[in-house]
Amino acid sequence: MKLHTLYRWKENPPGDSAFQMALDEALFHFTRESGLPVIRYYTWESPALTFGYSEAHPHSETEEAVRRYTGGGRVEHGEDLTFLLTLPADTPAARGSAAERYRWIHEALKEALGEVGVRLFLEGDAGQHPAGPCFQTPVPSDLMAIGTGEKIGGGAQRRSRGSVIHQGSIRLARELRTNHAPWTALLERKLSEGTESFPETAKQKVIDHAEELAATRYRSPEWNHRR
């Protein structure tokens, strides 16, 4: 399922959780229109909570809660590195099953992190996996720490018009959860034949679209509290 070229969004613009979710969606729309797969990594200005597209609002009183464009459960952010991967409709990865795609991404993550000393295994399929907080509820192919069995990585996906958006969250030591930690380049080599910078000519249009989505959707009570 390896991609030919992966386009890396290098900047990590400051912004609240609403803007981060909006930028991920804007980049996904870019992929659907351009046919170019994109990857980006980002951290969080302050603790935040995101929850899946089909979930009810968690009514958190201590953290900002924002509904994601993707599915999955509740994810507490702050000590994680979050990443986006978008897959155009004409790629084998987008055409495969969700389970195959999820495992492919997490196998690449396991191998890349293993090369910098983070020893992981993939969660097996143990039958029913109830909904709940993401890091308390492993599902098949989640990233698990060897030795402790603790879940350190998961993700959520959504397909639209054949293209796929994947949003992942990985809990790592501080020195490993930066945009340009060595393992990120290793991951990109496992997912693609080569990596290029995101096209400069398209960058401002994507940011403008993200700001619009943040204002009209991700900061909107109608979006975040709908059932």
C-alpha atoms as a PDB file:
ATOM      1  CA  MET A   1       0.000   0.000   0.000  1.00  0.00           C
ATOM      2  CA  LYS A   2       3.047   2.262  -0.087  1.00  0.00           C
ATOM      3  CA  LEU A   3       2.462   5.738  -1.500  1.00  0.00           C
ATOM      4  CA  HIS A   4       4.570   7.160  -4.310  1.00  0.00           C
ATOM      5  CA  THR A   5       5.111  10.611  -2.764  1.00  0.00           C
ATOM      6  CA  LEU A   6       3.968  12.024   0.559  1.00  0.00           C
ATOM      7  CA  TYR A   7       3.636  15.800   1.010  1.00  0.00           C
ATOM      8  CA  ARG A   8       4.681  17.027   4.449  1.00  0.00           C
ATOM      9  CA  TRP A   9       3.065  20.070   6.029  1.00  0.00           C
ATOM     10  CA  LYS A  10       6.089  21.337   7.960  1.00  0.00           C
ATOM     11  CA  GLU A  11       4.629  24.226   9.934  1.00  0.00           C
ATOM     12  CA  ASN A  12       2.896  23.747  13.259  1.00  0.00           C
ATOM     13  CA  PRO A  13       0.953  27.011  13.495  1.00  0.00           C
ATOM     14  CA  PRO A  14      -0.204  27.950  16.991  1.00  0.00           C
ATOM     15  CA  GLY A  15      -3.890  27.491  17.489  1.00  0.00           C
ATOM     16  CA  ASP A  16      -6.513  26.057  19.773  1.00  0.00           C
ATOM     17  CA  SER A  17      -8.001  22.606  19.342  1.00  0.00           C
ATOM     18  CA  ALA A  18     -10.749  23.954  17.084  1.00  0.00           C
ATOM     19  CA  PHE A  19      -8.166  25.326  14.662  1.00  0.00           C
ATOM     20  CA  GLN A  20      -6.117  22.111  14.733  1.00  0.00           C
ATOM     21  CA  MET A  21      -9.189  20.045  13.837  1.00  0.00           C
ATOM     22  CA  ALA A  22     -10.127  22.583  11.165  1.00  0.00           C
ATOM     23  CA  LEU A  23      -6.660  22.481   9.603  1.00  0.00           C
ATOM     24  CA  ASP A  24      -6.802  18.683   9.417  1.00  0.00           C
ATOM     25  CA  GLU A  25     -10.136  18.866   7.613  1.00  0.00           C
ATOM     26  CA  ALA A  26      -8.902  21.617   5.269  1.00  0.00           C
ATOM     27  CA  LEU A  27      -5.898  19.473   4.345  1.00  0.00           C
ATOM     28  CA  PHE A  28      -8.204  16.530   3.711  1.00  0.00           C
ATOM     29  CA  HIS A  29     -10.268  18.657   1.310  1.00  0.00           C
ATOM     30  CA  PHE A  30      -7.003  19.649  -0.384  1.00  0.00           C
ATOM     31  CA  THR A  31      -6.172  15.957  -0.881  1.00  0.00           C
ATOM     32  CA  ARG A  32      -9.603  15.187  -2.329  1.00  0.00           C
ATOM     33  CA  GLU A  33      -9.245  18.038  -4.828  1.00  0.00           C
ATOM     34  CA  SER A  34      -5.560  17.659  -5.721  1.00  0.00           C
ATOM     35  CA  GLY A  35      -4.955  13.929  -5.387  1.00  0.00           C
ATOM     36  CA  LEU A  36      -1.870  14.584  -3.216  1.00  0.00           C
ATOM     37  CA  PRO A  37      -1.436  12.683   0.084  1.00  0.00           C
ATOM     38  CA  VAL A  38      -0.436  14.828   3.070  1.00  0.00           C
ATOM     39  CA  ILE A  39       1.134  14.199   6.459  1.00  0.00           C
ATOM     40  CA  ARG A  40       1.511  16.639   9.348  1.00  0.00           C
ATOM     41  CA  TYR A  41       2.433  16.391  13.031  1.00  0.00           C
ATOM     42  CA  TYR A  42       1.369  18.752  15.801  1.00  0.00           C
ATOM     43  CA  THR A  43       1.303  19.250  19.548  1.00  0.00           C
ATOM     44  CA  TRP A  44      -1.090  21.136  21.813  1.00  0.00           C
ATOM     45  CA  GLU A  45      -0.901  24.586  23.393  1.00  0.00           C
ATOM     46  CA  SER A  46      -2.861  23.373  26.417  1.00  0.00           C
ATOM     47  CA  PRO A  47      -4.766  20.244  27.508  1.00  0.00           C
ATOM     48  CA  ALA A  48      -7.691  19.542  25.204  1.00  0.00           C
ATOM     49  CA  LEU A  49     -10.262  16.873  24.484  1.00  0.00           C
ATOM     50  CA  THR A  50     -11.484  15.724  21.077  1.00  0.00           C
ATOM     51  CA  PHE A  51     -14.242  13.209  20.444  1.00  0.00           C
ATOM     52  CA  GLY A  52     -15.494  11.238  17.467  1.00  0.00           C
ATOM     53  CA  TYR A  53     -17.883  12.478  14.821  1.00  0.00           C
ATOM     54  CA  SER A  54     -20.706  10.196  15.973  1.00  0.00           C
ATOM     55  CA  GLU A  55     -20.141  10.594  19.728  1.00  0.00           C
ATOM     56  CA  ALA A  56     -22.179  12.678  22.173  1.00  0.00           C
ATOM     57  CA  HIS A  57     -20.437  15.696  23.684  1.00  0.00           C
ATOM     58  CA  PRO A  58     -18.647  14.558  26.883  1.00  0.00           C
ATOM     59  CA  HIS A  59     -19.641  17.742  28.783  1.00  0.00           C
ATOM     60  CA  SER A  60     -16.141  18.140  30.176  1.00  0.00           C
ATOM     61  CA  GLU A  61     -15.824  20.976  32.661  1.00  0.00           C
ATOM     62  CA  THR A  62     -12.033  20.960  32.822  1.00  0.00           C
ATOM     63  CA  GLU A  63     -11.019  20.678  29.178  1.00  0.00           C
ATOM     64  CA  GLU A  64     -12.042  22.159  25.880  1.00  0.00           C
ATOM     65  CA  ALA A  65     -13.979  19.504  23.938  1.00  0.00           C
ATOM     66  CA  VAL A  66     -14.135  19.586  20.136  1.00  0.00           C
ATOM     67  CA  ARG A  67     -15.862  17.149  17.800  1.00  0.00           C
ATOM     68  CA  ARG A  68     -13.516  15.634  15.220  1.00  0.00           C
ATOM     69  CA  TYR A  69     -14.233  15.081  11.537  1.00  0.00           C
ATOM     70  CA  THR A  70     -13.223  11.431  12.051  1.00  0.00           C
ATOM     71  CA  GLY A  71     -14.780   8.715  14.201  1.00  0.00           C
ATOM     72  CA  GLY A  72     -13.452   6.999  17.302  1.00  0.00           C
ATOM     73  CA  GLY A  73     -13.807   7.806  20.970  1.00  0.00           C
ATOM     74  CA  ARG A  74     -12.597  10.522  23.327  1.00  0.00           C
ATOM     75  CA  VAL A  75      -8.920  11.502  23.182  1.00  0.00           C
ATOM     76  CA  GLU A  76      -7.209  13.581  25.851  1.00  0.00           C
ATOM     77  CA  HIS A  77      -4.487  15.722  24.299  1.00  0.00           C
ATOM     78  CA  GLY A  78      -1.587  17.560  25.856  1.00  0.00           C
ATOM     79  CA  GLU A  79       1.145  14.967  26.302  1.00  0.00           C
ATOM     80  CA  ASP A  80       0.800  13.417  22.868  1.00  0.00           C
ATOM     81  CA  LEU A  81       1.992  14.038  19.348  1.00  0.00           C
ATOM     82  CA  THR A  82      -0.983  14.112  17.010  1.00  0.00           C
ATOM     83  CA  PHE A  83      -0.635  13.457  13.305  1.00  0.00           C
ATOM     84  CA  LEU A  84      -2.715  13.651  10.158  1.00  0.00           C
ATOM     85  CA  LEU A  85      -2.427  11.387   7.125  1.00  0.00           C
ATOM     86  CA  THR A  86      -4.626  11.903   4.068  1.00  0.00           C
ATOM     87  CA  LEU A  87      -4.960   9.344   1.291  1.00  0.00           C
ATOM     88  CA  PRO A  88      -6.311  10.130  -2.200  1.00  0.00           C
ATOM     89  CA  ALA A  89      -9.049   7.929  -3.613  1.00  0.00           C
ATOM     90  CA  ASP A  90      -6.834   6.403  -6.316  1.00  0.00           C
ATOM     91  CA  THR A  91      -4.263   4.939  -3.903  1.00  0.00           C
ATOM     92  CA  PRO A  92      -4.261   1.280  -2.818  1.00  0.00           C
ATOM     93  CA  ALA A  93      -4.284   2.385   0.833  1.00  0.00           C
ATOM     94  CA  ALA A  94      -7.519   4.327   0.366  1.00  0.00           C
ATOM     95  CA  ARG A  95      -9.129   1.477  -1.577  1.00  0.00           C
ATOM     96  CA  GLY A  96      -8.288  -1.142   1.071  1.00  0.00           C
ATOM     97  CA  SER A  97     -10.413  -1.970   4.078  1.00  0.00           C
ATOM     98  CA  ALA A  98     -10.331   0.254   7.158  1.00  0.00           C
ATOM     99  CA  ALA A  99      -8.783  -2.575   9.204  1.00  0.00           C
ATOM    100  CA  GLU A 100      -6.034  -3.209   6.629  1.00  0.00           C
ATOM    101  CA  ARG A 101      -5.268   0.498   6.376  1.00  0.00           C
ATOM    102  CA  TYR A 102      -5.192   0.980  10.162  1.00  0.00           C
ATOM    103  CA  ARG A 103      -2.792  -1.924  10.576  1.00  0.00           C
ATOM    104  CA  TRP A 104      -0.552  -0.667   7.730  1.00  0.00           C
ATOM    105  CA  ILE A 105      -0.207   2.767   9.354  1.00  0.00           C
ATOM    106  CA  HIS A 106       0.452   1.340  12.814  1.00  0.00           C
ATOM    107  CA  GLU A 107       2.940  -1.255  11.565  1.00  0.00           C
ATOM    108  CA  ALA A 108       4.899   1.619  10.003  1.00  0.00           C
ATOM    109  CA  LEU A 109       4.698   3.572  13.262  1.00  0.00           C
ATOM    110  CA  LYS A 110       5.804   0.556  15.311  1.00  0.00           C
ATOM    111  CA  GLU A 111       8.838   0.011  13.091  1.00  0.00           C
ATOM    112  CA  ALA A 112       9.792   3.703  12.946  1.00  0.00           C
ATOM    113  CA  LEU A 113       9.527   4.173  16.711  1.00  0.00           C
ATOM    114  CA  GLY A 114      11.338   0.898  17.287  1.00  0.00           C
ATOM    115  CA  GLU A 115      14.363   2.345  15.498  1.00  0.00           C
ATOM    116  CA  VAL A 116      14.601   5.101  18.144  1.00  0.00           C
ATOM    117  CA  GLY A 117      14.180   2.716  21.066  1.00  0.00           C
ATOM    118  CA  VAL A 118      10.405   2.711  21.636  1.00  0.00           C
ATOM    119  CA  ARG A 119       9.436  -0.959  21.788  1.00  0.00           C
ATOM    120  CA  LEU A 120       5.834  -1.624  20.775  1.00  0.00           C
ATOM    121  CA  PHE A 121       3.464  -4.329  19.648  1.00  0.00           C
ATOM    122  CA  LEU A 122       0.096  -4.171  17.919  1.00  0.00           C
ATOM    123  CA  GLU A 123      -3.032  -5.040  19.849  1.00  0.00           C
ATOM    124  CA  GLY A 124      -4.642  -8.259  18.648  1.00  0.00           C
ATOM    125  CA  ASP A 125      -8.306  -8.844  17.948  1.00  0.00           C
ATOM    126  CA  ALA A 126      -9.812  -9.980  21.245  1.00  0.00           C
ATOM    127  CA  GLY A 127     -13.439  -9.771  20.207  1.00  0.00           C
ATOM    128  CA  GLN A 128     -15.735  -7.009  21.457  1.00  0.00           C
ATOM    129  CA  HIS A 129     -14.151  -3.616  22.173  1.00  0.00           C
ATOM    130  CA  PRO A 130     -16.546  -1.291  23.999  1.00  0.00           C
ATOM    131  CA  ALA A 131     -16.601   2.447  23.289  1.00  0.00           C
ATOM    132  CA  GLY A 132     -14.835   4.714  25.739  1.00  0.00           C
ATOM    133  CA  PRO A 133     -11.807   6.959  26.225  1.00  0.00           C
ATOM    134  CA  CYS A 134      -9.345   6.119  23.461  1.00  0.00           C
ATOM    135  CA  PHE A 135      -6.305   5.363  25.609  1.00  0.00           C
ATOM    136  CA  GLN A 136      -8.293   3.189  28.002  1.00  0.00           C
ATOM    137  CA  THR A 137      -9.939   1.125  25.274  1.00  0.00           C
ATOM    138  CA  PRO A 138      -7.502  -0.625  22.891  1.00  0.00           C
ATOM    139  CA  VAL A 139      -8.850  -1.877  19.589  1.00  0.00           C
ATOM    140  CA  PRO A 140      -7.163  -4.195  17.055  1.00  0.00           C
ATOM    141  CA  SER A 141      -3.836  -2.836  15.738  1.00  0.00           C
ATOM    142  CA  ASP A 142      -3.489  -0.091  18.356  1.00  0.00           C
ATOM    143  CA  LEU A 143       0.082   0.625  19.484  1.00  0.00           C
ATOM    144  CA  MET A 144       0.906  -1.006  22.824  1.00  0.00           C
ATOM    145  CA  ALA A 145       4.057  -0.730  24.962  1.00  0.00           C
ATOM    146  CA  ILE A 146       6.073  -3.931  25.365  1.00  0.00           C
ATOM    147  CA  GLY A 147       6.503  -4.676  29.047  1.00  0.00           C
ATOM    148  CA  THR A 148       3.619  -2.632  30.457  1.00  0.00           C
ATOM    149  CA  GLY A 149       0.923  -3.422  27.898  1.00  0.00           C
ATOM    150  CA  GLU A 150      -0.109   0.227  28.046  1.00  0.00           C
ATOM    151  CA  LYS A 151      -1.733   1.729  24.977  1.00  0.00           C
ATOM    152  CA  ILE A 152       0.372   4.569  23.585  1.00  0.00           C
ATOM    153  CA  GLY A 153      -1.106   5.100  20.134  1.00  0.00           C
ATOM    154  CA  GLY A 154      -4.448   5.004  18.375  1.00  0.00           C
ATOM    155  CA  GLY A 155      -6.269   6.683  15.546  1.00  0.00           C
ATOM    156  CA  ALA A 156      -9.545   7.366  13.802  1.00  0.00           C
ATOM    157  CA  GLN A 157     -10.492   7.465  10.133  1.00  0.00           C
ATOM    158  CA  ARG A 158     -13.157   8.641   7.765  1.00  0.00           C
ATOM    159  CA  ARG A 159     -13.693   8.034   4.059  1.00  0.00           C
ATOM    160  CA  SER A 160     -15.331  10.620   1.812  1.00  0.00           C
ATOM    161  CA  ARG A 161     -15.737  10.251  -1.956  1.00  0.00           C
ATOM    162  CA  GLY A 162     -13.118   7.503  -1.861  1.00  0.00           C
ATOM    163  CA  SER A 163     -10.413   9.539  -0.100  1.00  0.00           C
ATOM    164  CA  VAL A 164      -9.445   8.824   3.511  1.00  0.00           C
ATOM    165  CA  ILE A 165      -8.451  11.003   6.468  1.00  0.00           C
ATOM    166  CA  HIS A 166      -6.582   9.400   9.375  1.00  0.00           C
ATOM    167  CA  GLN A 167      -5.998  11.278  12.638  1.00  0.00           C
ATOM    168  CA  GLY A 168      -3.639   9.591  15.077  1.00  0.00           C
ATOM    169  CA  SER A 169      -2.432  10.311  18.611  1.00  0.00           C
ATOM    170  CA  ILE A 170       0.767   8.917  20.166  1.00  0.00           C
ATOM    171  CA  ARG A 171       1.885   9.366  23.764  1.00  0.00           C
ATOM    172  CA  LEU A 172       5.664   9.718  23.787  1.00  0.00           C
ATOM    173  CA  ALA A 173       8.484  11.166  25.866  1.00  0.00           C
ATOM    174  CA  ARG A 174       8.776  14.934  25.399  1.00  0.00           C
ATOM    175  CA  GLU A 175      11.908  14.735  23.230  1.00  0.00           C
ATOM    176  CA  LEU A 176      10.115  12.426  20.769  1.00  0.00           C
ATOM    177  CA  ARG A 177       6.920  14.423  20.360  1.00  0.00           C
ATOM    178  CA  THR A 178       8.246  17.241  18.184  1.00  0.00           C
ATOM    179  CA  ASN A 179       7.427  17.953  14.544  1.00  0.00           C
ATOM    180  CA  HIS A 180      10.878  16.939  13.394  1.00  0.00           C
ATOM    181  CA  ALA A 181      11.799  14.102  15.746  1.00  0.00           C
ATOM    182  CA  PRO A 182      14.004  11.582  13.861  1.00  0.00           C
ATOM    183  CA  TRP A 183      11.346   8.884  13.852  1.00  0.00           C
ATOM    184  CA  THR A 184       8.977  11.014  11.727  1.00  0.00           C
ATOM    185  CA  ALA A 185      11.283  10.792   8.715  1.00  0.00           C
ATOM    186  CA  LEU A 186      11.589   7.039   9.290  1.00  0.00           C
ATOM    187  CA  LEU A 187       7.795   6.763   9.315  1.00  0.00           C
ATOM    188  CA  GLU A 188       7.480   8.665   6.054  1.00  0.00           C
ATOM    189  CA  ARG A 189       9.987   6.342   4.374  1.00  0.00           C
ATOM    190  CA  LYS A 190       7.914   3.351   5.467  1.00  0.00           C
ATOM    191  CA  LEU A 191       4.695   4.885   4.118  1.00  0.00           C
ATOM    192  CA  SER A 192       6.012   6.294   0.837  1.00  0.00           C
ATOM    193  CA  GLU A 193       8.750   6.149  -1.780  1.00  0.00           C
ATOM    194  CA  GLY A 194       9.650   9.771  -1.049  1.00  0.00           C
ATOM    195  CA  THR A 195       8.599  12.916   0.797  1.00  0.00           C
ATOM    196  CA  GLU A 196       8.293  16.456  -0.500  1.00  0.00           C
ATOM    197  CA  SER A 197       7.326  19.718   1.162  1.00  0.00           C
ATOM    198  CA  PHE A 198       3.702  20.769   0.919  1.00  0.00           C
ATOM    199  CA  PRO A 199       3.222  23.013  -2.166  1.00  0.00           C
ATOM    200  CA  GLU A 200       3.824  26.648  -1.174  1.00  0.00           C
ATOM    201  CA  THR A 201       1.292  27.845  -3.743  1.00  0.00           C
ATOM    202  CA  ALA A 202      -1.533  26.027  -1.950  1.00  0.00           C
ATOM    203  CA  LYS A 203      -0.572  26.791   1.657  1.00  0.00           C
ATOM    204  CA  GLN A 204      -2.398  30.090   2.221  1.00  0.00           C
ATOM    205  CA  LYS A 205      -5.591  28.785   0.631  1.00  0.00           C
ATOM    206  CA  VAL A 206      -5.561  25.834   3.038  1.00  0.00           C
ATOM    207  CA  ILE A 207      -4.948  28.096   6.060  1.00  0.00           C
ATOM    208  CA  ASP A 208      -7.774  30.418   5.003  1.00  0.00           C
ATOM    209  CA  HIS A 209     -10.088  27.428   4.620  1.00  0.00           C
ATOM    210  CA  ALA A 210      -9.042  26.152   8.065  1.00  0.00           C
ATOM    211  CA  GLU A 211      -9.774  29.501   9.694  1.00  0.00           C
ATOM    212  CA  GLU A 212     -13.220  29.510   8.077  1.00  0.00           C
ATOM    213  CA  LEU A 213     -13.937  25.964   9.269  1.00  0.00           C
ATOM    214  CA  ALA A 214     -12.749  26.782  12.787  1.00  0.00           C
ATOM    215  CA  ALA A 215     -15.085  29.772  12.993  1.00  0.00           C
ATOM    216  CA  THR A 216     -18.151  28.226  11.390  1.00  0.00           C
ATOM    217  CA  ARG A 217     -17.846  24.613  12.547  1.00  0.00           C
ATOM    218  CA  TYR A 218     -15.317  23.629  15.200  1.00  0.00           C
ATOM    219  CA  ARG A 219     -16.057  26.534  17.553  1.00  0.00           C
ATOM    220  CA  SER A 220     -19.768  26.193  16.940  1.00  0.00           C
ATOM    221  CA  PRO A 221     -22.074  24.788  19.655  1.00  0.00           C
ATOM    222  CA  GLU A 222     -24.220  23.312  16.868  1.00  0.00           C
ATOM    223  CA  TRP A 223     -21.246  21.188  15.719  1.00  0.00           C
ATOM    224  CA  ASN A 224     -19.857  20.246  19.107  1.00  0.00           C
ATOM    225  CA  HIS A 225     -23.134  19.570  20.949  1.00  0.00           C
ATOM    226  CA  ARG A 226     -25.250  17.999  18.238  1.00  0.00           C
ATOM    227  CA  ARG A 227     -26.526  14.460  18.783  1.00  0.00           C
END
